[in-house]
Each structure stands twice: as C-alpha cells, then as structure tokens.
C-alpha cells in the first residue's frame, strides 16, 4: 500500500486549487488569508496493486502425475513426488480446504522453531502468532488467499520449487485484488481479518524477488499500510486477542522499516503509544516502547544535515532526545537483568575459523531473550551513530563535545562485557555494540531455530553491517564481509530479502 498521488506536501485545499502552499501548521496561511477552510495535510491512503493483470503468470493446473491439464478445472493438489525431483507440491489457486490446512501445517512446521512447553504464551516470540492460522483460515476470501500466499512463498523458496513460487505470485495477485476492493469500500473498517491478511502478505515479501524496489514497494509498504490501519482502529484493537497480537507484531516490523527509511514512526504518537503499552505482554514488548522515538530522531537529524542547517540549539535538542532514549534503555536493561539474571552468556573464542573478529559467541536462555538483547544492542548502535553525527556537525563546540562524551559513557554502562573504561568515542562505541550483534549470529542461524531465528537477526545484523560500512579501517571491512556472508547464507536458505539488505546502506558517497 503506497500513498497516492505524488510528492507534494501542500494542504489538500491548495493542491485542489493548484497553487503554492506555505505548508504552515496546523492550517496554511494562504487558506486563512483567503477565508477558505484549510483541508489539512493528511494524505489519503490508496491501495495500489503492483501486480497488474499483464504481470500475473497464467494459472496452470497439474494432475497427480504432474502433467498439465485443462486449467478450467484446476485446483491446488498434493501429490506424491518422484524421488528424483526437487518439487514436492504443485499448486493452483483454488486449493481445497483440507489441502489448504495441510499446506498451512507444513508452513508452520518449517517456519517456527519447536514450541518450548515451559514458556508461557507471553514469553514466546511474536512469530508464534502463525499458530493461529489454522483457526482463522476460512473466515474470508482475502485472508485465505493471503495465508496461501505466505505458505506458498515460504515453501516454494525453502524447497526451491519454481512451480510453487509461480503459484504464490498468482494467488498473491488475487489477494491484492481482494484487499484493494475491501479497502476501497465506502464504509471500510480495518477488521481483524484485514490486518491478518496484510501481515501475511508482508511476511510473504521476505521470500520475494531480492531487489530494493521489491523491498520498498512490498515488505516496507505492507508494514506502513498495516500501521496506518492500526491507527484507524484506535483503542478498540485491544478487545481482540488476535488484533492485540498483530498490533505488537506490526510495531516490531514497522519500527525496523521506519528506522531503515529514516521516517517518523506512528507508534511514537502519544495516543497509539498508550494503546501499545496496554497491549504489552513481556520484556521484549517493553523494549519496543523504549525504541519508538528513534525513527523520529533519525529523521530530524538527517533533515538537519541535508539542509545544512546545523544549529547549536538543534544539535542540543537531538542530544537531549537521544539521552532520554538512552535513559529508557538503561532502565529497561536493569529490569530485564533483574527478571532474567542468566538470560545470556558469552563463550570465549573465535566465532568462526579465520580472523579473531569478535569477542566470542553469545548463547541465550531462549529465543525471546536473544531477540530482546540483539534489538537492544541495535538501539544502542543507532544512538551512538546519532551522537557521532552530532559531533561531526558541532564543528568543535567544546560544551557540545562534552555532552556527546557524557552520552557515550551512559551507553557504555550497557556493555555486557568487561572492557576498558578508557573514554570511548561514539564511533568506537557503535562498533562495540555491533560486535555484540555479530557475536549472536551463530545462535540465530542454527538450524534448530527454524526460520524465525534468522528473521529476528535480519534487522540488527543490517544495523551492524551499516556501522562497519561507514568506518574506514581494515578490521571494519572484515566485519562487514562477515555480515554480508551471513546475509548470503540466509538468502541461500530462501530468505530473498536478505540479498537486498546486502546492498542497502546509509554510507555517504
């Protein structure tokens, strides 16, 4: 889902009159002077289906033997494969309900790590929400086609089944057309079924074509659209267990999207912040609360740098906001350690044969603790980079340099390792916490983590890779190569979005 029309930031009244707008908030001065009612700056959200009829592959159906037959009688079927072939399934978009349930079961089995019976529901990673897919399947056409898109995309990539991948594209087009019709309805409201459908379509993009436009138009746009639909629901979203879970899931995926794009995050809005706090279930959810202000911080800092308007007051404001986020993160860490005193430990020794790049290998009590700590370190990395940018733009203002030093020492207290207390600059500090993320990569990519482990790693590992890419030394190049190698390995496992993350960088030319 993408915003339409173009890039004009004028109010709706000035756009309609086709005149320039001074973009004053909350109402533009031109409208006020002319006595007209200013239509405001909120842009309409229009669903755009990137799969046009000409792009969709023709639907082909197959018999149990795998030979083509009349597509008018096509349905998705399951057959016993020839042992000499890679493909295990052949699909067409009208799979019978029992066969759809079988496909969903195969997806869940491959996607999630084994369920730990000792964990309460609130202690499980958000990816376990897919366990509800069999129970919500059959509620609506848009939800069913979105679920089938996710399952077919995942299994097609994991099994290297090109036929199944093509079926995923076809059924995705059907899901998008259905979603477009629903959203265009005059009295549209974002039901649980619609939210679940958007989440499934966004997750399916992880296994789509590995190009940056696909990431921007697909995964990122589904997350952005899903967040906007959540805003439209308001507090009523807390009344449904499914919607509450999707709220927490969209907050995670939407946050990483907003950070990557350096755009303000809707969950930083006070009303939505309070709603999401009420939905929190565990320590990882509370960590997300502490991170929601970071995208806005990046956005304002980036705007200041691009405009060449580095003012001392502006930089002080950025530093103050950054230190406030840092204080929230330190409070979160103290609470987390009190609740989970043995959540992780470090095994000394090189992570892999070759150069001794990192301090060792991290091991965690469970996947939720691993997710919490790596995303915590990613937040510290981003703050350190914000401080480094402030330092670069301060042009040697002495007291600003002192503020940066104080802020860095506060972040240093969050290090899980016993390292020298020699004054750390923001760049070295960012690299230090990036090393923590890389030291956890082996844990996440272990085969017994399912696909959920690698998915959790994607965002923090990209943050680490981007830190190394912006540093000018040989050791950082080796660490960047390590990150790229992990992404490439995940791409070979079927996570095509990781291939796009290899080339995604904020490095300045």
Protein backbone atom coordinates (compact mmCIF):
# COMPACT_ATOMS: atom_id res chain seq x y z
CA UNK A 1 0.00 0.00 0.00
CA UNK A 2 1.51 3.29 -1.05
CA UNK A 3 0.47 6.91 -0.87
CA UNK A 4 -1.07 8.41 -3.97
CA UNK A 5 -0.78 10.97 -5.60
CA UNK A 6 2.75 12.41 -5.90
CA UNK A 7 5.21 14.12 -3.61
CA UNK A 8 3.53 17.48 -2.95
CA UNK A 9 3.39 18.38 0.74
CA UNK A 10 0.82 21.15 0.23
CA UNK A 11 -2.50 21.14 2.05
CA UNK A 12 -5.38 19.45 0.25
CA UNK A 13 -7.10 22.79 -0.49
CA UNK A 14 -4.04 24.28 -2.21
CA UNK A 15 -3.47 21.06 -4.13
CA UNK A 16 -7.05 21.17 -5.36
CA UNK A 17 -6.66 24.83 -6.37
CA UNK A 18 -3.27 24.02 -7.95
CA UNK A 19 -1.49 26.87 -6.20
CA UNK A 20 1.59 27.02 -3.99
CA UNK A 21 1.18 26.41 -0.27
CA UNK A 22 3.34 27.76 2.57
CA UNK A 23 2.76 24.48 4.49
CA UNK A 24 2.16 26.27 7.79
CA UNK A 25 0.75 24.05 10.55
CA UNK A 26 -1.96 23.36 11.52
CA UNK A 27 -3.55 25.49 8.72
CA UNK A 28 -1.75 27.10 5.82
CA UNK A 29 -1.62 30.91 5.81
CA UNK A 30 -2.86 31.18 2.21
CA UNK A 31 -6.14 29.46 3.13
CA UNK A 32 -6.52 31.56 6.28
CA UNK A 33 -5.95 34.85 4.39
CA UNK A 34 -8.45 33.92 1.68
CA UNK A 35 -11.09 32.83 4.17
CA UNK A 36 -11.12 29.26 2.90
CA UNK A 37 -11.22 26.17 5.08
CA UNK A 38 -7.81 24.50 5.04
CA UNK A 39 -8.15 20.82 4.23
CA UNK A 40 -5.06 19.88 6.24
CA UNK A 41 -2.03 17.85 5.29
CA UNK A 42 -3.17 14.29 5.88
CA UNK A 43 -2.78 12.37 2.64
CA UNK A 44 -5.31 9.81 1.50
CA UNK A 45 -4.18 6.21 1.68
CA UNK A 46 -4.92 4.49 -1.61
CA UNK A 47 -4.21 0.83 -2.17
CA UNK A 48 -2.11 0.20 -5.28
CA UNK A 49 -1.77 -3.34 -6.58
CA UNK A 50 1.70 -3.71 -8.09
CA UNK A 51 0.61 -6.98 -9.75
CA UNK A 52 -1.22 -5.83 -12.88
CA UNK A 53 -3.12 -8.31 -14.99
CA UNK A 54 -0.31 -8.32 -17.52
CA UNK A 55 2.25 -9.19 -14.85
CA UNK A 56 0.41 -12.17 -13.41
CA UNK A 57 1.55 -15.53 -14.74
CA UNK A 58 -1.13 -17.69 -16.34
CA UNK A 59 -2.68 -20.19 -13.96
CA UNK A 60 -1.67 -23.74 -14.81
CA UNK A 61 -3.05 -26.80 -13.10
CA UNK A 62 -1.45 -30.18 -12.76
CA UNK A 63 -2.71 -33.70 -12.24
CA UNK A 64 -1.30 -36.06 -9.64
CA UNK A 65 1.35 -37.12 -12.10
CA UNK A 66 2.44 -33.53 -12.59
CA UNK A 67 1.25 -33.24 -16.21
CA UNK A 68 -0.71 -30.23 -17.39
CA UNK A 69 -4.46 -30.45 -17.80
CA UNK A 70 -7.39 -28.16 -18.55
CA UNK A 71 -6.93 -25.06 -16.32
CA UNK A 72 -10.69 -24.52 -16.18
CA UNK A 73 -10.87 -27.47 -13.78
CA UNK A 74 -7.70 -26.53 -11.91
CA UNK A 75 -7.25 -26.72 -8.18
CA UNK A 76 -4.28 -26.91 -5.84
CA UNK A 77 -3.46 -30.57 -5.31
CA UNK A 78 -0.97 -32.51 -3.27
CA UNK A 79 0.76 -35.45 -4.89
CA UNK A 80 3.42 -37.98 -4.03
CA UNK A 81 6.55 -36.68 -5.76
CA UNK A 82 9.01 -38.58 -7.84
CA UNK A 83 12.03 -39.13 -5.53
CA UNK A 84 14.36 -37.83 -8.25
CA UNK A 85 12.71 -34.40 -8.37
CA UNK A 86 13.13 -31.43 -6.05
CA UNK A 87 9.50 -30.31 -6.22
CA UNK A 88 7.16 -31.88 -3.68
CA UNK A 89 3.93 -29.99 -4.38
CA UNK A 90 2.12 -28.44 -7.30
CA UNK A 91 -0.46 -25.77 -6.73
CA UNK A 92 -3.23 -23.80 -8.40
CA UNK A 93 -5.17 -21.00 -6.66
CA UNK A 94 -8.34 -22.93 -5.69
CA UNK A 95 -6.82 -25.43 -3.27
CA UNK A 96 -9.46 -27.42 -1.37
CA UNK A 97 -9.88 -26.54 2.34
CA UNK A 98 -8.34 -29.77 3.63
CA UNK A 99 -5.34 -29.29 1.35
CA UNK A 100 -5.03 -25.66 2.44
CA UNK A 101 -4.86 -26.82 6.05
CA UNK A 102 -2.14 -29.28 5.08
CA UNK A 103 -0.16 -26.51 3.41
CA UNK A 104 -0.56 -24.27 6.49
CA UNK A 105 0.66 -27.08 8.72
CA UNK A 106 3.73 -27.59 6.53
CA UNK A 107 4.44 -23.86 6.69
CA UNK A 108 4.18 -23.64 10.49
CA UNK A 109 6.39 -26.69 10.91
CA UNK A 110 9.13 -25.15 8.79
CA UNK A 111 8.75 -21.54 9.93
CA UNK A 112 8.74 -21.80 13.72
CA UNK A 113 11.29 -23.47 15.97
CA UNK A 114 9.93 -26.28 18.16
CA UNK A 115 7.49 -24.98 20.77
CA UNK A 116 9.06 -24.88 24.22
CA UNK A 117 6.34 -26.20 26.57
CA UNK A 118 7.92 -24.47 29.57
CA UNK A 119 7.28 -21.00 28.12
CA UNK A 120 4.08 -19.15 28.87
CA UNK A 121 2.33 -17.63 25.81
CA UNK A 122 3.57 -14.19 26.87
CA UNK A 123 7.18 -15.45 26.80
CA UNK A 124 7.10 -16.66 23.21
CA UNK A 125 8.44 -14.71 20.26
CA UNK A 126 5.86 -12.89 18.15
CA UNK A 127 6.46 -15.25 15.23
CA UNK A 128 4.42 -17.88 17.04
CA UNK A 129 1.32 -15.90 16.10
CA UNK A 130 1.21 -18.05 12.95
CA UNK A 131 -0.02 -20.93 15.12
CA UNK A 132 -3.44 -19.26 14.94
CA UNK A 133 -3.56 -19.50 11.12
CA UNK A 134 -5.40 -22.86 11.04
CA UNK A 135 -8.13 -21.48 13.32
CA UNK A 136 -8.65 -18.20 11.41
CA UNK A 137 -8.39 -19.82 7.98
CA UNK A 138 -11.78 -19.85 6.25
CA UNK A 139 -13.01 -16.56 7.71
CA UNK A 140 -12.77 -14.54 4.50
CA UNK A 141 -11.51 -14.76 0.94
CA UNK A 142 -8.87 -12.06 1.37
CA UNK A 143 -7.48 -13.73 4.49
CA UNK A 144 -7.44 -17.19 2.90
CA UNK A 145 -5.61 -16.00 -0.21
CA UNK A 146 -3.13 -14.03 1.91
CA UNK A 147 -2.43 -17.09 4.06
CA UNK A 148 -1.93 -19.20 0.93
CA UNK A 149 0.42 -16.53 -0.45
CA UNK A 150 2.57 -16.72 2.67
CA UNK A 151 2.61 -20.52 2.81
CA UNK A 152 3.33 -20.96 -0.90
CA UNK A 153 6.02 -18.25 -0.93
CA UNK A 154 7.78 -19.76 2.06
CA UNK A 155 7.63 -23.39 0.96
CA UNK A 156 8.45 -22.50 -2.64
CA UNK A 157 11.69 -20.82 -1.58
CA UNK A 158 12.64 -23.31 1.10
CA UNK A 159 12.10 -26.29 -1.23
CA UNK A 160 13.43 -24.45 -4.30
CA UNK A 161 10.16 -25.25 -6.07
CA UNK A 162 9.75 -22.84 -9.02
CA UNK A 163 6.24 -24.09 -9.79
CA UNK A 164 5.13 -23.34 -6.24
CA UNK A 165 6.80 -19.92 -6.39
CA UNK A 166 4.81 -19.07 -9.52
CA UNK A 167 1.61 -20.17 -7.81
CA UNK A 168 2.49 -17.90 -4.90
CA UNK A 169 2.72 -14.94 -7.27
CA UNK A 170 -0.63 -15.83 -8.82
CA UNK A 171 -2.51 -16.21 -5.55
CA UNK A 172 -0.79 -13.05 -4.24
CA UNK A 173 -2.34 -11.13 -7.12
CA UNK A 174 -5.75 -12.49 -6.16
CA UNK A 175 -5.18 -11.50 -2.52
CA UNK A 176 -4.14 -7.98 -3.51
CA UNK A 177 -7.16 -7.51 -5.78
CA UNK A 178 -9.45 -8.66 -2.99
CA UNK A 179 -7.72 -6.37 -0.48
CA UNK A 180 -8.00 -3.44 -2.89
CA UNK A 181 -11.75 -3.97 -3.24
CA UNK A 182 -12.26 -4.15 0.52
CA UNK A 183 -10.21 -1.03 1.29
CA UNK A 184 -11.95 0.95 -1.46
CA UNK A 185 -15.40 0.30 0.06
CA UNK A 186 -17.12 3.49 1.35
CA UNK A 187 -17.63 2.20 4.89
CA UNK A 188 -14.34 0.33 5.19
CA UNK A 189 -13.04 -0.51 8.65
CA UNK A 190 -9.87 -2.43 9.38
CA UNK A 191 -11.16 -5.75 10.69
CA UNK A 192 -9.00 -8.42 12.28
CA UNK A 193 -9.19 -10.38 9.02
CA UNK A 194 -7.81 -7.46 7.01
CA UNK A 195 -4.98 -6.84 9.49
CA UNK A 196 -4.04 -10.53 9.46
CA UNK A 197 -4.14 -10.56 5.65
CA UNK A 198 -1.82 -7.55 5.42
CA UNK A 199 0.58 -9.16 7.90
CA UNK A 200 0.65 -12.40 5.89
CA UNK A 201 1.30 -10.52 2.64
CA UNK A 202 4.09 -8.53 4.27
CA UNK A 203 5.71 -11.69 5.64
CA UNK A 204 5.49 -13.29 2.19
CA UNK A 205 7.63 -10.46 0.79
CA UNK A 206 10.59 -11.82 2.77
CA UNK A 207 10.72 -14.61 0.19
CA UNK A 208 10.05 -12.44 -2.88
CA UNK A 209 12.41 -11.18 -5.58
CA UNK A 210 15.61 -9.77 -3.96
CA UNK A 211 15.53 -6.23 -5.34
CA UNK A 212 15.43 -2.96 -3.44
CA UNK A 213 12.23 -1.81 -5.25
CA UNK A 214 10.59 -5.04 -4.09
CA UNK A 215 11.63 -4.27 -0.52
CA UNK A 216 10.35 -0.68 -0.75
CA UNK A 217 7.09 -1.50 -2.51
CA UNK A 218 6.45 -4.83 -0.86
CA UNK A 219 7.64 -5.56 2.66
CA UNK A 220 8.08 -1.93 3.73
CA UNK A 221 4.80 -0.75 2.22
CA UNK A 222 2.75 -3.55 3.76
CA UNK A 223 4.20 -2.63 7.14
CA UNK A 224 3.46 1.04 6.64
CA UNK A 225 -0.08 0.33 5.48
CA UNK A 226 -0.67 -2.08 8.35
CA UNK A 227 0.45 0.52 10.90
CA UNK A 228 -1.94 3.08 9.41
CA UNK A 229 -4.81 0.60 9.60
CA UNK A 230 -3.96 0.04 13.27
CA UNK A 231 -4.17 3.77 13.90
CA UNK A 232 -7.68 3.79 12.41
CA UNK A 233 -8.79 1.10 14.89
CA UNK A 234 -7.84 3.11 17.98
CA UNK A 235 -8.31 1.60 21.48
CA UNK A 236 -10.87 -0.91 20.18
CA UNK A 237 -7.99 -3.02 18.92
CA UNK A 238 -7.31 -4.17 22.49
CA UNK A 239 -10.66 -6.01 22.62
CA UNK A 240 -9.49 -8.79 20.31
CA UNK A 241 -6.67 -11.18 21.19
CA UNK A 242 -5.76 -11.60 17.52
CA UNK A 243 -5.73 -7.84 16.89
CA UNK A 244 -3.70 -7.23 20.04
CA UNK A 245 -1.09 -9.73 18.86
CA UNK A 246 -1.00 -8.17 15.39
CA UNK A 247 -0.57 -4.73 16.96
CA UNK A 248 2.58 -5.94 18.73
CA UNK A 249 3.85 -7.66 15.58
CA UNK A 250 3.26 -4.60 13.37
CA UNK A 251 5.06 -2.46 15.94
CA UNK A 252 8.19 -4.60 15.58
CA UNK A 253 8.22 -4.81 11.78
CA UNK A 254 7.08 -1.21 11.39
CA UNK A 255 9.84 0.05 13.67
CA UNK A 256 12.59 -1.61 11.65
CA UNK A 257 11.02 -0.26 8.45
CA UNK A 258 10.84 3.29 9.82
CA UNK A 259 14.46 3.15 11.02
CA UNK A 260 15.68 1.90 7.65
CA UNK A 261 13.77 4.64 5.83
CA UNK A 262 14.53 7.32 8.46
CA UNK A 263 10.87 8.25 8.71
CA UNK A 264 8.89 9.11 11.86
CA UNK A 265 7.11 6.11 13.38
CA UNK A 266 3.32 6.32 14.01
CA UNK A 267 3.68 4.45 17.32
CA UNK A 268 5.53 7.46 18.73
CA UNK A 269 2.21 9.32 18.67
CA UNK A 270 1.02 9.61 22.26
CA UNK A 271 -2.39 8.00 21.72
CA UNK A 272 -1.02 4.98 19.87
CA UNK A 273 1.88 4.76 22.33
CA UNK A 274 -0.58 4.38 25.21
CA UNK A 275 -2.57 1.76 23.31
CA UNK A 276 0.53 -0.28 22.52
CA UNK A 277 1.72 -0.06 26.13
CA UNK A 278 -1.59 -1.53 27.24
CA UNK A 279 -1.03 -4.41 24.81
CA UNK A 280 2.46 -5.27 26.09
CA UNK A 281 2.92 -8.83 27.31
CA UNK A 282 6.63 -9.31 28.06
CA UNK A 283 10.02 -7.65 28.42
CA UNK A 284 10.59 -7.55 24.67
CA UNK A 285 7.36 -5.59 24.17
CA UNK A 286 8.52 -3.06 26.76
CA UNK A 287 11.82 -2.72 24.89
CA UNK A 288 9.89 -1.73 21.77
CA UNK A 289 8.27 1.08 23.78
CA UNK A 290 11.73 2.44 24.54
CA UNK A 291 12.73 2.41 20.86
CA UNK A 292 9.74 4.04 19.15
CA UNK A 293 11.26 7.56 19.32
CA UNK A 294 14.43 6.57 17.44
CA UNK A 295 12.99 6.86 13.87
CA UNK A 296 11.89 10.45 14.55
CA UNK A 297 15.34 11.22 15.93
CA UNK A 298 16.98 9.87 12.77
CA UNK A 299 14.54 11.76 10.56
CA UNK A 300 15.17 15.14 12.22
CA UNK A 301 18.93 14.64 12.31
CA UNK A 302 19.01 13.63 8.66
CA UNK A 303 16.88 16.64 7.66
CA UNK A 304 19.18 18.96 9.59
CA UNK A 305 22.26 17.57 7.86
CA UNK A 306 20.77 17.64 4.36
CA UNK A 307 19.53 21.21 4.80
CA UNK A 308 22.93 22.34 6.09
CA UNK A 309 21.10 23.97 8.99
CA UNK A 310 23.20 22.63 11.87
CA UNK A 311 22.37 24.98 14.73
CA UNK A 312 23.75 24.62 18.22
CA UNK A 313 20.24 24.58 19.69
CA UNK A 314 19.11 21.97 17.18
CA UNK A 315 22.03 19.69 17.99
CA UNK A 316 21.43 20.13 21.72
CA UNK A 317 17.81 19.11 21.19
CA UNK A 318 18.88 15.98 19.27
CA UNK A 319 21.38 15.08 22.01
CA UNK A 320 18.79 15.63 24.75
CA UNK A 321 16.26 13.41 22.97
CA UNK A 322 18.92 10.78 22.36
CA UNK A 323 19.95 10.77 26.02
CA UNK A 324 16.28 10.41 27.02
CA UNK A 325 16.00 7.29 24.84
CA UNK A 326 19.30 6.04 26.28
CA UNK A 327 17.98 6.50 29.82
CA UNK A 328 14.87 4.46 28.92
CA UNK A 329 17.08 1.71 27.52
CA UNK A 330 19.22 1.61 30.67
CA UNK A 331 16.10 1.32 32.82
CA UNK A 332 14.84 -1.47 30.58
CA UNK A 333 18.16 -3.34 30.89
CA UNK A 334 18.10 -3.10 34.69
CA UNK A 335 14.57 -4.53 34.81
CA UNK A 336 15.46 -7.25 32.29
CA UNK A 337 18.55 -8.38 34.21
CA UNK A 338 16.51 -8.46 37.42
CA UNK A 339 13.90 -10.70 35.76
CA UNK A 340 16.32 -12.81 33.67
CA UNK A 341 19.68 -12.88 35.51
CA UNK A 342 21.00 -15.78 33.41
CA UNK A 343 19.42 -14.89 30.08
CA UNK A 344 22.73 -14.98 28.20
CA UNK A 345 26.40 -15.76 28.48
CA UNK A 346 29.44 -15.43 26.25
CA UNK A 347 31.55 -18.38 25.14
CA UNK A 348 35.12 -17.18 24.60
CA UNK A 349 36.88 -17.93 21.35
CA UNK A 350 36.58 -17.00 17.68
CA UNK A 351 33.11 -17.13 16.19
CA UNK A 352 34.34 -18.87 13.05
CA UNK A 353 37.71 -20.10 11.77
CA UNK A 354 39.79 -17.23 10.47
CA UNK A 355 40.43 -13.74 11.86
CA UNK A 356 39.51 -13.20 15.50
CA UNK A 357 36.90 -10.55 14.67
CA UNK A 358 34.60 -10.66 17.70
CA UNK A 359 34.78 -11.27 21.43
CA UNK A 360 33.22 -14.73 21.31
CA UNK A 361 29.84 -16.34 20.80
CA UNK A 362 26.71 -15.42 22.74
CA UNK A 363 24.32 -18.08 23.98
CA UNK A 364 20.83 -17.26 25.28
CA UNK A 365 18.26 -18.81 27.58
CA UNK A 366 15.65 -18.77 24.81
CA UNK A 367 14.87 -17.09 21.51
CA UNK A 368 12.86 -14.27 23.08
CA UNK A 369 15.81 -13.28 25.28
CA UNK A 370 18.08 -13.40 22.23
CA UNK A 371 15.68 -11.20 20.27
CA UNK A 372 15.45 -8.71 23.12
CA UNK A 373 19.21 -8.37 23.60
CA UNK A 374 20.14 -8.06 19.93
CA UNK A 375 17.45 -5.46 19.31
CA UNK A 376 18.59 -3.67 22.47
CA UNK A 377 22.16 -3.56 21.13
CA UNK A 378 20.85 -2.36 17.76
CA UNK A 379 19.15 0.55 19.54
CA UNK A 380 22.43 1.44 21.26
CA UNK A 381 24.28 1.29 17.93
CA UNK A 382 21.82 3.75 16.38
CA UNK A 383 22.10 6.14 19.32
CA UNK A 384 25.90 6.02 19.11
CA UNK A 385 25.72 6.87 15.41
CA UNK A 386 23.39 9.78 16.18
CA UNK A 387 25.93 11.07 18.69
CA UNK A 388 28.71 10.68 16.11
CA UNK A 389 26.72 12.74 13.59
CA UNK A 390 26.08 15.43 16.20
CA UNK A 391 29.78 15.51 16.99
CA UNK A 392 30.68 15.86 13.30
CA UNK A 393 28.18 18.69 12.82
CA UNK A 394 29.09 20.54 16.03
CA UNK A 395 32.31 21.91 14.43
CA UNK A 396 34.27 21.56 17.67
CA UNK A 397 31.88 23.39 20.02
CA UNK A 398 33.51 22.44 23.33
CA UNK A 399 30.45 22.02 25.52
CA UNK A 400 28.66 20.01 22.82
CA UNK A 401 31.64 17.67 22.64
CA UNK A 402 31.37 17.26 26.40
CA UNK A 403 27.64 16.43 26.08
CA UNK A 404 28.49 13.76 23.49
CA UNK A 405 31.13 12.30 25.81
CA UNK A 406 28.65 12.11 28.71
CA UNK A 407 26.03 10.49 26.48
CA UNK A 408 28.55 7.91 25.26
CA UNK A 409 29.63 6.99 28.79
CA UNK A 410 25.98 6.40 29.69
CA UNK A 411 25.67 3.96 26.77
CA UNK A 412 28.96 2.31 27.73
CA UNK A 413 27.38 1.21 31.03
CA UNK A 414 25.13 -1.10 28.97
CA UNK A 415 28.02 -3.22 27.67
CA UNK A 416 27.68 -6.91 28.63
CA UNK A 417 31.47 -7.40 28.57
CA UNK A 418 34.23 -6.34 30.93
CA UNK A 419 36.18 -3.94 28.73
CA UNK A 420 38.47 -0.99 29.33
CA UNK A 421 36.81 2.13 30.71
CA UNK A 422 39.09 4.34 28.62
CA UNK A 423 36.94 7.12 27.09
CA UNK A 424 35.03 5.71 24.14
CA UNK A 425 34.09 7.88 21.17
CA UNK A 426 30.66 7.38 19.59
CA UNK A 427 32.05 5.59 16.53
CA UNK A 428 34.02 3.07 18.59
CA UNK A 429 31.02 2.59 20.86
CA UNK A 430 28.74 1.87 17.90
CA UNK A 431 31.23 -0.67 16.58
CA UNK A 432 31.44 -2.31 20.02
CA UNK A 433 27.70 -2.97 20.22
CA UNK A 434 27.63 -4.02 16.56
CA UNK A 435 30.19 -6.66 17.55
CA UNK A 436 27.74 -7.90 20.19
CA UNK A 437 25.12 -8.44 17.48
CA UNK A 438 27.54 -10.35 15.26
CA UNK A 439 28.60 -12.48 18.22
CA UNK A 440 24.97 -13.66 18.46
CA UNK A 441 24.64 -14.53 14.75
CA UNK A 442 25.67 -18.14 15.27
CA UNK A 443 22.86 -18.65 17.80
CA UNK A 444 20.16 -17.28 15.49
CA UNK A 445 21.26 -19.11 12.36
CA UNK A 446 21.40 -22.53 14.00
CA UNK A 447 19.08 -24.92 12.15
CA UNK A 448 17.05 -25.67 15.26
CA UNK A 449 15.83 -22.03 15.35
CA UNK A 450 13.65 -22.66 12.30
CA UNK A 451 13.29 -19.67 10.01
CA UNK A 452 12.18 -17.43 12.88
CA UNK A 453 15.72 -17.17 14.25
CA UNK A 454 17.24 -15.81 11.02
CA UNK A 455 14.28 -13.44 10.53
CA UNK A 456 14.88 -11.96 14.00
CA UNK A 457 18.54 -11.46 13.11
CA UNK A 458 17.90 -9.54 9.85
CA UNK A 459 17.31 -6.07 11.29
CA UNK A 460 20.08 -5.93 13.94
CA UNK A 461 22.59 -7.55 11.58
CA UNK A 462 21.83 -4.91 8.93
CA UNK A 463 22.40 -2.22 11.58
CA UNK A 464 25.78 -3.80 12.39
CA UNK A 465 26.77 -4.12 8.72
CA UNK A 466 25.89 -0.48 8.13
CA UNK A 467 28.12 0.61 11.03
CA UNK A 468 31.10 -1.24 9.61
CA UNK A 469 30.42 0.10 6.09
CA UNK A 470 30.71 3.66 7.43
CA UNK A 471 34.06 3.05 9.15
CA UNK A 472 37.42 3.45 7.46
CA UNK A 473 39.69 0.64 8.65
CA UNK A 474 40.66 -2.85 7.57
CA UNK A 475 39.11 -4.62 10.57
CA UNK A 476 35.74 -3.00 9.83
CA UNK A 477 35.96 -4.24 6.23
CA UNK A 478 36.46 -7.79 7.51
CA UNK A 479 33.47 -7.43 9.84
CA UNK A 480 31.35 -6.06 7.01
CA UNK A 481 32.34 -9.06 4.89
CA UNK A 482 31.26 -11.32 7.76
CA UNK A 483 27.80 -9.70 7.83
CA UNK A 484 27.46 -9.97 4.06
CA UNK A 485 28.39 -13.65 4.29
CA UNK A 486 25.63 -14.28 6.84
CA UNK A 487 23.09 -12.49 4.62
CA UNK A 488 24.15 -14.54 1.62
CA UNK A 489 23.79 -17.76 3.58
CA UNK A 490 20.28 -16.75 4.64
CA UNK A 491 19.50 -15.94 1.01
CA UNK A 492 20.52 -19.46 0.06
CA UNK A 493 18.07 -20.73 2.67
CA UNK A 494 15.25 -18.94 0.85
CA UNK A 495 15.11 -15.56 2.63
CA UNK A 496 15.46 -13.45 -0.50
CA UNK A 497 15.04 -10.15 1.34
CA UNK A 498 18.46 -10.73 2.90
CA UNK A 499 20.01 -10.41 -0.58
CA UNK A 500 18.51 -6.92 -0.84
CA UNK A 501 19.91 -5.98 2.59
CA UNK A 502 23.44 -6.70 1.35
CA UNK A 503 23.31 -3.62 -0.87
CA UNK A 504 21.19 -1.42 1.41
CA UNK A 505 23.42 1.15 3.11
CA UNK A 506 23.41 4.66 4.55
CA UNK A 507 27.08 5.11 3.62
CA UNK A 508 27.74 8.60 2.35
CA UNK A 509 29.27 8.82 -1.17
